[in-house]
Amino acid sequence: MRHHQAFVAPLLAPAPGDLHLLTLGIRPRRRTVLRRLSTHVVIEDPEVITELRRALAGHERVGVLLRTFTSTTCHVRPDGRPVPRKHLCGWWVRTGRFHPLDRAELVRSVCVDTRTDRLLPPEQGVEYAAAWPVHPPSPIEEGSSRR
């Protein structure tokens, strides 16, 4: 599990906030919650990180989204529950590299109706932002699924 900690650290370092949802654009779509604490990151489903490591080692292009939940309230639901403002950024992962998406590429990637390819309005309360360069800490190892 320590190798997963080192692997997600560069993804989270510049991200605002401490509560994140990491989504991989593979079939079936995989997600995990990442909670940054003072000394480490709690990974809800380590298999998602294993899948990301495999994607990075492969030749197929895979989308990666990092949604960060901030402490600011975007709006309040009719039932009185606050909805947090979110920060969203993304990368294409292919052949050992994270390719950061700029804001326009991100919006074109996530605000599209997959059935019609028509552009959808941005999600309320989401700040679409350019991603940062991410450099994995070490070469991807085939046997990295051990915990």
Protein backbone atom coordinates (compact mmCIF):
# COMPACT_ATOMS: atom_id res chain seq x y z
CA MET A 1 0.00 0.00 0.00
CA ARG A 2 2.99 2.32 0.54
CA HIS A 3 3.64 2.38 -3.22
CA HIS A 4 0.08 3.68 -3.72
CA GLN A 5 0.77 6.51 -1.25
CA ALA A 6 3.83 7.62 -3.22
CA PHE A 7 1.96 7.27 -6.49
CA VAL A 8 -1.01 9.52 -5.56
CA ALA A 9 1.09 12.19 -3.81
CA PRO A 10 2.02 14.11 -7.02
CA LEU A 11 -1.64 14.01 -8.13
CA LEU A 12 -2.85 15.58 -4.90
CA ALA A 13 0.02 17.92 -3.96
CA PRO A 14 -1.28 21.07 -5.72
CA ALA A 15 -4.98 20.20 -5.32
CA PRO A 16 -7.00 22.48 -3.06
CA GLY A 17 -8.67 20.76 -0.12
CA ASP A 18 -8.30 17.32 1.39
CA LEU A 19 -11.31 15.33 0.10
CA HIS A 20 -11.10 14.08 -3.49
CA LEU A 21 -12.90 11.75 -5.87
CA LEU A 22 -10.60 10.14 -8.45
CA THR A 23 -12.37 8.75 -11.52
CA LEU A 24 -10.83 6.61 -14.29
CA GLY A 25 -12.47 6.66 -17.71
CA ILE A 26 -12.23 2.92 -18.29
CA ARG A 27 -14.99 0.34 -18.74
CA PRO A 28 -16.50 -0.10 -16.27
CA ARG A 29 -15.80 3.36 -14.85
CA ARG A 30 -13.81 3.15 -11.61
CA ARG A 31 -13.82 5.65 -8.74
CA THR A 32 -12.26 6.00 -5.33
CA VAL A 33 -12.33 8.54 -2.55
CA LEU A 34 -8.95 9.96 -1.48
CA ARG A 35 -8.75 11.76 1.85
CA ARG A 36 -5.52 13.64 2.52
CA LEU A 37 -4.44 13.58 6.16
CA SER A 38 -1.37 15.23 7.68
CA THR A 39 0.91 12.20 7.23
CA HIS A 40 -0.71 10.10 4.50
CA VAL A 41 -3.62 9.66 2.10
CA VAL A 42 -6.52 7.34 2.89
CA ILE A 43 -7.45 5.45 -0.29
CA GLU A 44 -10.97 4.03 -0.11
CA ASP A 45 -10.45 1.49 -2.94
CA PRO A 46 -6.77 0.74 -3.61
CA GLU A 47 -7.72 -1.34 -6.69
CA VAL A 48 -8.54 1.91 -8.52
CA ILE A 49 -4.95 3.06 -8.00
CA THR A 50 -3.74 -0.34 -9.25
CA GLU A 51 -5.90 0.16 -12.38
CA LEU A 52 -4.44 3.63 -12.86
CA ARG A 53 -0.91 2.23 -12.60
CA ARG A 54 -1.79 -0.41 -15.22
CA ALA A 55 -3.29 2.25 -17.50
CA LEU A 56 -0.12 4.28 -17.20
CA ALA A 57 1.93 1.26 -18.22
CA GLY A 58 -0.29 0.51 -21.25
CA HIS A 59 -0.74 2.05 -24.66
CA GLU A 60 -4.43 2.85 -24.46
CA ARG A 61 -5.43 6.44 -23.68
CA VAL A 62 -7.35 6.67 -20.39
CA GLY A 63 -9.05 9.73 -18.92
CA VAL A 64 -8.43 10.63 -15.28
CA LEU A 65 -10.54 13.16 -13.37
CA LEU A 66 -9.81 14.59 -9.95
CA ARG A 67 -12.78 16.23 -8.26
CA THR A 68 -11.93 18.08 -5.05
CA PHE A 69 -14.64 19.03 -2.57
CA THR A 70 -13.94 22.42 -1.01
CA SER A 71 -15.17 23.82 2.29
CA THR A 72 -17.19 26.55 0.53
CA THR A 73 -20.89 26.11 -0.10
CA CYS A 74 -22.06 26.40 -3.70
CA HIS A 75 -25.77 26.35 -2.92
CA VAL A 76 -28.26 24.87 -0.46
CA ARG A 77 -30.68 22.13 -1.48
CA PRO A 78 -34.40 22.56 -0.85
CA ASP A 79 -34.06 20.16 2.10
CA GLY A 80 -31.52 22.52 3.69
CA ARG A 81 -28.37 20.48 3.00
CA PRO A 82 -25.40 22.51 1.72
CA VAL A 83 -23.73 21.44 -1.53
CA PRO A 84 -19.96 22.06 -1.56
CA ARG A 85 -18.20 23.88 -4.37
CA LYS A 86 -15.99 21.49 -6.32
CA HIS A 87 -12.71 21.90 -8.19
CA LEU A 88 -12.31 19.61 -11.24
CA CYS A 89 -9.24 18.90 -13.33
CA GLY A 90 -8.13 16.05 -15.57
CA TRP A 91 -5.45 14.27 -17.53
CA TRP A 92 -5.09 11.83 -20.37
CA VAL A 93 -2.84 8.96 -19.34
CA ARG A 94 -0.91 7.07 -21.96
CA THR A 95 2.45 5.34 -22.38
CA GLY A 96 3.88 6.28 -19.02
CA ARG A 97 2.81 9.92 -18.95
CA PHE A 98 0.09 12.12 -17.51
CA HIS A 99 -0.96 14.70 -20.11
CA PRO A 100 -2.66 17.62 -18.28
CA LEU A 101 -5.86 19.01 -19.78
CA ASP A 102 -6.36 22.75 -19.92
CA ARG A 103 -9.73 24.19 -18.90
CA ALA A 104 -11.19 24.17 -22.44
CA GLU A 105 -10.12 20.56 -23.07
CA LEU A 106 -11.60 19.53 -19.72
CA VAL A 107 -14.96 21.18 -20.44
CA ARG A 108 -15.06 19.55 -23.91
CA SER A 109 -14.29 16.18 -22.28
CA VAL A 110 -16.84 16.19 -19.47
CA CYS A 111 -19.67 18.48 -20.58
CA VAL A 112 -20.81 16.34 -23.51
CA ASP A 113 -23.90 14.20 -23.98
CA THR A 114 -22.35 10.83 -24.88
CA ARG A 115 -25.38 9.81 -26.98
CA THR A 116 -25.56 12.94 -29.15
CA ASP A 117 -22.08 14.50 -28.75
CA ARG A 118 -23.80 17.82 -27.98
CA LEU A 119 -22.18 20.19 -25.54
CA LEU A 120 -23.95 20.36 -22.15
CA PRO A 121 -23.93 23.31 -19.77
CA PRO A 122 -21.24 23.19 -17.08
CA GLU A 123 -22.26 21.59 -13.78
CA GLN A 124 -23.41 24.10 -11.16
CA GLY A 125 -20.84 24.73 -8.45
CA VAL A 126 -17.90 23.18 -10.31
CA GLU A 127 -14.75 25.15 -11.06
CA TYR A 128 -13.25 23.62 -14.21
CA ALA A 129 -9.49 24.15 -13.99
CA ALA A 130 -6.32 23.32 -15.87
CA ALA A 131 -4.46 20.33 -14.50
CA TRP A 132 -0.83 20.41 -13.42
CA PRO A 133 2.10 18.27 -14.57
CA VAL A 134 2.21 14.92 -12.76
CA HIS A 135 5.33 12.79 -12.74
CA PRO A 136 4.93 9.28 -11.27
CA PRO A 137 7.56 8.59 -8.60
CA SER A 138 8.95 5.39 -10.12
CA PRO A 139 8.54 3.02 -13.07
CA ILE A 140 5.32 1.04 -13.09
CA GLU A 141 5.81 -2.52 -11.94
CA GLU A 142 3.69 -5.34 -13.32
CA GLY A 143 3.22 -6.99 -9.91
CA SER A 144 2.00 -3.78 -8.25
CA SER A 145 -1.41 -5.17 -7.29
CA ARG A 146 -0.10 -6.53 -3.97
CA ARG A 147 -1.31 -4.68 -0.90
